[in-house]
C-alpha atoms as a PDB file:
ATOM      1  CA  MET A   1      -8.392  -2.625  12.499  1.00  0.00           C
ATOM      2  CA  ARG A   2     -10.512  -1.285   9.654  1.00  0.00           C
ATOM      3  CA  VAL A   3      -9.722  -1.444   5.950  1.00  0.00           C
ATOM      4  CA  SER A   4     -11.563   0.539   3.307  1.00  0.00           C
ATOM      5  CA  GLU A   5     -10.894   0.965  -0.363  1.00  0.00           C
ATOM      6  CA  GLU A   6     -11.775   3.364  -3.105  1.00  0.00           C
ATOM      7  CA  ARG A   7     -11.041   3.634  -6.804  1.00  0.00           C
ATOM      8  CA  LEU A   8      -9.296   6.811  -7.873  1.00  0.00           C
ATOM      9  CA  ALA A   9      -8.731   8.210 -11.351  1.00  0.00           C
ATOM     10  CA  ASP A  10      -6.329   6.612 -13.825  1.00  0.00           C
ATOM     11  CA  GLY A  11      -6.782   3.044 -12.589  1.00  0.00           C
ATOM     12  CA  VAL A  12      -5.467   3.661  -9.076  1.00  0.00           C
ATOM     13  CA  ALA A  13      -6.966   2.028  -5.982  1.00  0.00           C
ATOM     14  CA  ARG A  14      -6.440   3.426  -2.493  1.00  0.00           C
ATOM     15  CA  ILE A  15      -6.624   1.226   0.580  1.00  0.00           C
ATOM     16  CA  THR A  16      -7.021   3.086   3.868  1.00  0.00           C
ATOM     17  CA  VAL A  17      -6.091   1.188   7.008  1.00  0.00           C
ATOM     18  CA  GLU A  18      -6.936   2.211  10.581  1.00  0.00           C
ATOM     19  CA  GLY A  19      -5.579   0.728  13.800  1.00  0.00           C
ATOM     20  CA  ARG A  20      -2.826  -1.828  14.257  1.00  0.00           C
ATOM     21  CA  LEU A  21      -1.413  -4.122  11.602  1.00  0.00           C
ATOM     22  CA  ASP A  22      -0.288  -7.113  13.632  1.00  0.00           C
ATOM     23  CA  ALA A  23      -0.486 -10.903  13.446  1.00  0.00           C
ATOM     24  CA  VAL A  24      -4.186 -10.840  14.358  1.00  0.00           C
ATOM     25  CA  THR A  25      -5.299  -8.129  11.915  1.00  0.00           C
ATOM     26  CA  VAL A  26      -2.974  -8.618   8.939  1.00  0.00           C
ATOM     27  CA  PRO A  27      -4.953 -11.493   7.350  1.00  0.00           C
ATOM     28  CA  GLY A  28      -7.906  -9.172   6.595  1.00  0.00           C
ATOM     29  CA  PHE A  29      -5.589  -6.524   5.169  1.00  0.00           C
ATOM     30  CA  GLU A  30      -3.704  -9.104   3.120  1.00  0.00           C
ATOM     31  CA  GLN A  31      -6.990 -10.504   1.805  1.00  0.00           C
ATOM     32  CA  THR A  32      -7.955  -7.042   0.495  1.00  0.00           C
ATOM     33  CA  LEU A  33      -4.577  -6.603  -1.215  1.00  0.00           C
ATOM     34  CA  GLN A  34      -4.694 -10.058  -2.786  1.00  0.00           C
ATOM     35  CA  ARG A  35      -8.278  -9.601  -4.000  1.00  0.00           C
ATOM     36  CA  LEU A  36      -7.373  -6.325  -5.709  1.00  0.00           C
ATOM     37  CA  LEU A  37      -4.352  -7.926  -7.362  1.00  0.00           C
ATOM     38  CA  ALA A  38      -6.451 -10.915  -8.484  1.00  0.00           C
ATOM     39  CA  GLU A  39      -8.910  -8.456 -10.051  1.00  0.00           C
ATOM     40  CA  GLY A  40      -6.036  -6.983 -12.065  1.00  0.00           C
ATOM     41  CA  GLN A  41      -5.587  -3.885  -9.922  1.00  0.00           C
ATOM     42  CA  ILE A  42      -1.839  -3.203 -10.076  1.00  0.00           C
ATOM     43  CA  ARG A  43      -1.712   0.504  -9.165  1.00  0.00           C
ATOM     44  CA  ILE A  44      -2.330   0.575  -5.420  1.00  0.00           C
ATOM     45  CA  ILE A  45      -1.842   3.241  -2.763  1.00  0.00           C
ATOM     46  CA  VAL A  46      -1.891   2.159   0.878  1.00  0.00           C
ATOM     47  CA  ASP A  47      -2.789   5.011   3.251  1.00  0.00           C
ATOM     48  CA  LEU A  48      -1.172   4.264   6.611  1.00  0.00           C
ATOM     49  CA  GLY A  49      -1.958   7.606   8.274  1.00  0.00           C
ATOM     50  CA  ALA A  50      -4.239   6.000  10.866  1.00  0.00           C
ATOM     51  CA  VAL A  51      -1.987   2.970  11.537  1.00  0.00           C
ATOM     52  CA  ASN A  52       0.037   3.423  14.717  1.00  0.00           C
ATOM     53  CA  TYR A  53       1.781   0.028  14.676  1.00  0.00           C
ATOM     54  CA  ILE A  54       2.884  -2.422  11.997  1.00  0.00           C
ATOM     55  CA  SER A  55       4.391  -5.825  12.751  1.00  0.00           C
ATOM     56  CA  SER A  56       6.697  -7.938  10.618  1.00  0.00           C
ATOM     57  CA  SER A  57       3.641  -9.736   9.228  1.00  0.00           C
ATOM     58  CA  GLY A  58       2.231  -6.389   8.069  1.00  0.00           C
ATOM     59  CA  LEU A  59       5.544  -5.492   6.455  1.00  0.00           C
ATOM     60  CA  ARG A  60       5.624  -8.883   4.741  1.00  0.00           C
ATOM     61  CA  ALA A  61       2.076  -8.405   3.381  1.00  0.00           C
ATOM     62  CA  LEU A  62       3.084  -5.060   1.864  1.00  0.00           C
ATOM     63  CA  LEU A  63       6.284  -6.455   0.395  1.00  0.00           C
ATOM     64  CA  THR A  64       4.470  -9.448  -1.136  1.00  0.00           C
ATOM     65  CA  ALA A  65       1.804  -7.214  -2.692  1.00  0.00           C
ATOM     66  CA  ARG A  66       4.468  -4.864  -4.057  1.00  0.00           C
ATOM     67  CA  ARG A  67       6.362  -7.752  -5.636  1.00  0.00           C
ATOM     68  CA  GLN A  68       3.186  -9.146  -7.235  1.00  0.00           C
ATOM     69  CA  ALA A  69       2.133  -5.729  -8.567  1.00  0.00           C
ATOM     70  CA  ARG A  70       5.595  -5.062 -10.017  1.00  0.00           C
ATOM     71  CA  ILE A  71       5.651  -8.431 -11.803  1.00  0.00           C
ATOM     72  CA  ARG A  72       2.495  -7.279 -13.602  1.00  0.00           C
ATOM     73  CA  GLY A  73       3.896  -3.833 -14.416  1.00  0.00           C
ATOM     74  CA  GLY A  74       2.345  -2.002 -11.466  1.00  0.00           C
ATOM     75  CA  GLU A  75       3.371  -0.694  -8.071  1.00  0.00           C
ATOM     76  CA  VAL A  76       2.258  -0.386  -4.462  1.00  0.00           C
ATOM     77  CA  LEU A  77       2.935   3.071  -3.009  1.00  0.00           C
ATOM     78  CA  LEU A  78       2.474   4.254   0.568  1.00  0.00           C
ATOM     79  CA  CYS A  79       1.229   7.567   1.894  1.00  0.00           C
ATOM     80  CA  GLN A  80       0.775   9.472   5.146  1.00  0.00           C
ATOM     81  CA  LEU A  81       2.891   7.211   7.332  1.00  0.00           C
ATOM     82  CA  HIS A  82       2.165   7.703  11.029  1.00  0.00           C
ATOM     83  CA  PRO A  83       5.413   8.815  12.770  1.00  0.00           C
ATOM     84  CA  ARG A  84       5.729   5.495  14.666  1.00  0.00           C
ATOM     85  CA  VAL A  85       5.198   3.495  11.475  1.00  0.00           C
ATOM     86  CA  ARG A  86       7.719   5.678   9.611  1.00  0.00           C
ATOM     87  CA  GLU A  87      10.215   4.923  12.378  1.00  0.00           C
ATOM     88  CA  ILE A  88       9.679   1.179  11.875  1.00  0.00           C
ATOM     89  CA  PHE A  89      10.071   1.546   8.098  1.00  0.00           C
ATOM     90  CA  GLU A  90      13.311   3.471   8.586  1.00  0.00           C
ATOM     91  CA  MET A  91      14.611   0.902  11.094  1.00  0.00           C
ATOM     92  CA  VAL A  92      14.098  -2.043   8.715  1.00  0.00           C
ATOM     93  CA  GLY A  93      15.180  -0.161   5.594  1.00  0.00           C
ATOM     94  CA  PHE A  94      11.767  -0.161   3.889  1.00  0.00           C
ATOM     95  CA  ILE A  95      11.804   3.624   3.378  1.00  0.00           C
ATOM     96  CA  SER A  96      14.211   3.037   0.501  1.00  0.00           C
ATOM     97  CA  VAL A  97      12.233   0.036  -0.832  1.00  0.00           C
ATOM     98  CA  PHE A  98       8.757   1.599  -1.085  1.00  0.00           C
ATOM     99  CA  GLY A  99       7.664   4.836  -2.649  1.00  0.00           C
ATOM    100  CA  VAL A 100       6.545   6.798   0.421  1.00  0.00           C
ATOM    101  CA  TYR A 101       4.618  10.060  -0.001  1.00  0.00           C
ATOM    102  CA  ALA A 102       3.384  12.719   2.406  1.00  0.00           C
ATOM    103  CA  THR A 103      -0.096  12.755   0.853  1.00  0.00           C
ATOM    104  CA  CYS A 104      -2.202  10.325  -1.123  1.00  0.00           C
ATOM    105  CA  GLN A 105      -2.486  12.919  -3.903  1.00  0.00           C
ATOM    106  CA  GLU A 106       1.314  12.954  -4.244  1.00  0.00           C
ATOM    107  CA  ALA A 107       1.347   9.151  -4.363  1.00  0.00           C
ATOM    108  CA  ALA A 108      -1.369   9.095  -7.055  1.00  0.00           C
ATOM    109  CA  GLY A 109       0.647  11.604  -9.086  1.00  0.00           C
ATOM    110  CA  ALA A 110       3.740   9.403  -8.870  1.00  0.00           C
ATOM    111  CA  PHE A 111       2.247   6.686 -11.070  1.00  0.00           C
ATOM    112  CA  PRO A 112       3.212   7.066 -14.731  1.00  0.00           C
ATOM    113  CA  PRO A 113       0.328   8.006 -17.041  1.00  0.00           C
ATOM    114  CA  ARG A 114      -1.534   5.001 -18.362  1.00  0.00           C
ATOM    115  CA  THR A 115      -1.088   4.303 -22.016  1.00  0.00           C
ATOM    116  CA  PRO A 116      -4.224   3.354 -23.909  1.00  0.00           C
ATOM    117  CA  ALA A 117      -4.461  -0.289 -24.939  1.00  0.00           C
ATOM    118  CA  ALA A 118      -3.610  -0.824 -28.583  1.00  0.00           C
END
C-alpha cells in the first residue's frame, strides 16, 4: 500500500491511497489521517481509485477521521471509489454516510467556501 498527500486550493488536502487497505496496511493510512487532523487540516479528500480492497479496519479509520473532522467543523470526502470498494461501501451502508464523488475535483467543489477569519 502507498499513501501520498497533496494540498489543494481552499485549505483542502487530498490523500491518495494505492493497494489494499487491510489490517496490515491501515496503520500507515490512519497515521497520515491523524497527522493531518492534528495539524488542523479538517477538509480532507481521500482518493480510493487505486484501492481494490478495504477491510473493516480501513472503514473504521475513515469513520474515525470523519467524526474528528466534523467535530472541528470539517469533513472527510471520498472520490473515485474502485468498483469493488464501492460494493463494500454499499453493503455496509457507508455510501449514505460519506460524501462520495466520481472525481476529486467534484469532491473539492463540494466543500463550502472558506470564510475569512475575523
